[in-house]
C-alpha atoms as a PDB file:
ATOM      1  CA  MET A   1       5.106   9.108  10.770  1.00  0.00           C
ATOM      2  CA  LYS A   2       2.051  10.584   9.034  1.00  0.00           C
ATOM      3  CA  ARG A   3       2.373   8.013   6.238  1.00  0.00           C
ATOM      4  CA  CYS A   4       2.366   5.157   8.754  1.00  0.00           C
ATOM      5  CA  VAL A   5      -0.760   6.511  10.445  1.00  0.00           C
ATOM      6  CA  LEU A   6      -2.462   6.930   7.063  1.00  0.00           C
ATOM      7  CA  ALA A   7      -1.583   3.367   6.080  1.00  0.00           C
ATOM      8  CA  LEU A   8      -2.948   2.003   9.384  1.00  0.00           C
ATOM      9  CA  ILE A   9      -6.211   3.919   9.034  1.00  0.00           C
ATOM     10  CA  LEU A  10      -6.724   2.789   5.449  1.00  0.00           C
ATOM     11  CA  SER A  11      -5.959  -0.832   6.231  1.00  0.00           C
ATOM     12  CA  SER A  12      -8.400  -0.806   9.152  1.00  0.00           C
ATOM     13  CA  LEU A  13     -11.106   0.598   6.869  1.00  0.00           C
ATOM     14  CA  ALA A  14     -10.505  -2.231   4.432  1.00  0.00           C
ATOM     15  CA  ALA A  15     -10.509  -4.821   7.215  1.00  0.00           C
ATOM     16  CA  THR A  16     -13.860  -3.667   8.617  1.00  0.00           C
ATOM     17  CA  GLY A  17     -15.472  -4.042   5.216  1.00  0.00           C
ATOM     18  CA  GLN A  18     -14.171  -7.562   4.564  1.00  0.00           C
ATOM     19  CA  ALA A  19     -16.989  -9.216   6.488  1.00  0.00           C
ATOM     20  CA  GLN A  20     -19.539  -7.762   4.095  1.00  0.00           C
ATOM     21  CA  ALA A  21     -17.574  -8.297   0.897  1.00  0.00           C
ATOM     22  CA  ALA A  22     -19.997  -9.115  -1.867  1.00  0.00           C
ATOM     23  CA  SER A  23     -19.582 -10.398  -5.377  1.00  0.00           C
ATOM     24  CA  SER A  24     -20.059  -6.825  -6.675  1.00  0.00           C
ATOM     25  CA  CYS A  25     -16.435  -6.023  -5.742  1.00  0.00           C
ATOM     26  CA  PRO A  26     -13.566  -7.134  -7.974  1.00  0.00           C
ATOM     27  CA  PRO A  27     -11.171  -9.763  -6.597  1.00  0.00           C
ATOM     28  CA  GLY A  28      -8.832  -8.315  -3.966  1.00  0.00           C
ATOM     29  CA  PHE A  29     -11.250  -5.555  -2.983  1.00  0.00           C
ATOM     30  CA  ALA A  30     -13.371  -5.238   0.150  1.00  0.00           C
ATOM     31  CA  MET A  31     -16.704  -3.506   0.501  1.00  0.00           C
ATOM     32  CA  LEU A  32     -16.854  -0.700   3.059  1.00  0.00           C
ATOM     33  CA  GLN A  33     -19.412  -1.153   5.797  1.00  0.00           C
ATOM     34  CA  ALA A  34     -22.897   0.249   5.054  1.00  0.00           C
ATOM     35  CA  SER A  35     -21.783   1.295   1.573  1.00  0.00           C
ATOM     36  CA  ASP A  36     -21.455   0.014  -1.964  1.00  0.00           C
ATOM     37  CA  THR A  37     -17.894   1.354  -2.241  1.00  0.00           C
ATOM     38  CA  CYS A  38     -15.090  -1.134  -2.876  1.00  0.00           C
ATOM     39  CA  VAL A  39     -11.588  -0.442  -1.569  1.00  0.00           C
ATOM     40  CA  ARG A  40      -8.184  -2.093  -1.860  1.00  0.00           C
ATOM     41  CA  VAL A  41      -5.099  -1.109   0.129  1.00  0.00           C
ATOM     42  CA  SER A  42      -1.843  -2.405  -1.302  1.00  0.00           C
ATOM     43  CA  GLY A  43       1.794  -1.568  -1.081  1.00  0.00           C
ATOM     44  CA  ARG A  44       5.357  -2.669  -1.319  1.00  0.00           C
ATOM     45  CA  VAL A  45       8.517  -2.408   0.748  1.00  0.00           C
ATOM     46  CA  ARG A  46      12.039  -2.740  -0.552  1.00  0.00           C
ATOM     47  CA  ALA A  47      15.167  -3.033   1.606  1.00  0.00           C
ATOM     48  CA  GLU A  48      18.741  -3.726   0.619  1.00  0.00           C
ATOM     49  CA  THR A  49      22.125  -3.937   2.260  1.00  0.00           C
ATOM     50  CA  ALA A  50      25.513  -3.915   0.562  1.00  0.00           C
ATOM     51  CA  ILE A  51      28.629  -4.907   2.460  1.00  0.00           C
ATOM     52  CA  GLY A  52      32.048  -4.292   0.992  1.00  0.00           C
ATOM     53  CA  SER A  53      35.281  -5.680   2.301  1.00  0.00           C
ATOM     54  CA  SER A  54      38.805  -4.819   1.351  1.00  0.00           C
ATOM     55  CA  ARG A  55      42.201  -6.048   2.422  1.00  0.00           C
ATOM     56  CA  VAL A  56      42.562  -3.145   4.827  1.00  0.00           C
ATOM     57  CA  ARG A  57      40.161  -3.489   7.770  1.00  0.00           C
ATOM     58  CA  SER A  58      39.780   0.268   8.248  1.00  0.00           C
ATOM     59  CA  SER A  59      38.253   0.668   4.780  1.00  0.00           C
ATOM     60  CA  ASP A  60      35.437  -1.900   5.126  1.00  0.00           C
ATOM     61  CA  SER A  61      32.092  -0.354   4.236  1.00  0.00           C
ATOM     62  CA  TYR A  62      28.387  -1.069   4.343  1.00  0.00           C
ATOM     63  CA  ARG A  63      25.315   0.639   2.973  1.00  0.00           C
ATOM     64  CA  THR A  64      21.629   0.168   3.741  1.00  0.00           C
ATOM     65  CA  GLN A  65      18.630   1.527   1.915  1.00  0.00           C
ATOM     66  CA  ALA A  66      14.871   1.133   2.337  1.00  0.00           C
ATOM     67  CA  SER A  67      11.889   2.474   0.434  1.00  0.00           C
ATOM     68  CA  GLY A  68       8.182   1.780   0.229  1.00  0.00           C
ATOM     69  CA  ARG A  69       4.828   2.664  -1.249  1.00  0.00           C
ATOM     70  CA  VAL A  70       1.208   2.395  -0.154  1.00  0.00           C
ATOM     71  CA  GLN A  71      -1.673   2.608  -2.622  1.00  0.00           C
ATOM     72  CA  LEU A  72      -5.396   3.109  -2.054  1.00  0.00           C
ATOM     73  CA  ASP A  73      -7.748   2.091  -4.881  1.00  0.00           C
ATOM     74  CA  VAL A  74     -11.432   3.010  -4.466  1.00  0.00           C
ATOM     75  CA  ARG A  75     -14.222   1.981  -6.845  1.00  0.00           C
ATOM     76  CA  LYS A  76     -17.892   2.879  -6.797  1.00  0.00           C
ATOM     77  CA  GLN A  77     -20.746   2.484  -9.240  1.00  0.00           C
ATOM     78  CA  THR A  78     -22.544   5.804  -9.838  1.00  0.00           C
ATOM     79  CA  GLU A  79     -25.545   6.789 -11.933  1.00  0.00           C
ATOM     80  CA  TYR A  80     -23.080   8.116 -14.558  1.00  0.00           C
ATOM     81  CA  GLY A  81     -21.019   4.915 -14.643  1.00  0.00           C
ATOM     82  CA  PRO A  82     -18.085   3.523 -12.701  1.00  0.00           C
ATOM     83  CA  LEU A  83     -15.952   5.889 -10.626  1.00  0.00           C
ATOM     84  CA  ARG A  84     -12.368   4.976  -9.741  1.00  0.00           C
ATOM     85  CA  ALA A  85      -9.865   6.880  -7.607  1.00  0.00           C
ATOM     86  CA  VAL A  86      -6.266   5.831  -6.968  1.00  0.00           C
ATOM     87  CA  ILE A  87      -3.961   7.453  -4.417  1.00  0.00           C
ATOM     88  CA  SER A  88      -0.335   6.341  -4.308  1.00  0.00           C
ATOM     89  CA  VAL A  89       2.199   7.592  -1.775  1.00  0.00           C
ATOM     90  CA  GLY A  90       5.789   6.478  -1.562  1.00  0.00           C
ATOM     91  CA  ASN A  91       9.361   6.742  -2.697  1.00  0.00           C
ATOM     92  CA  LEU A  92      10.199   3.526  -4.540  1.00  0.00           C
ATOM     93  CA  ARG A  93      13.239   3.772  -6.743  1.00  0.00           C
ATOM     94  CA  ARG A  94      13.844   1.448  -9.659  1.00  0.00           C
END
């Protein structure tokens, strides 16, 4: 539940900055409102279902599995050079 709320908050921050996106942000990034900070929210969801059938109806089986990840990438130009922070939360299995 907390991860869903975090993802919604981060995506709304990115959406509010899209109107002011300038060429100073890399492609795929949005500039936060009243700031020179660029942000990108990305993620991935994976779902799978396996259904097994045998000759005996009582031994039919099925399995479902889902996983996901959300990633926040923030970039800002500072007086010491570029600053980049990446936060990734999720449980994707390969």
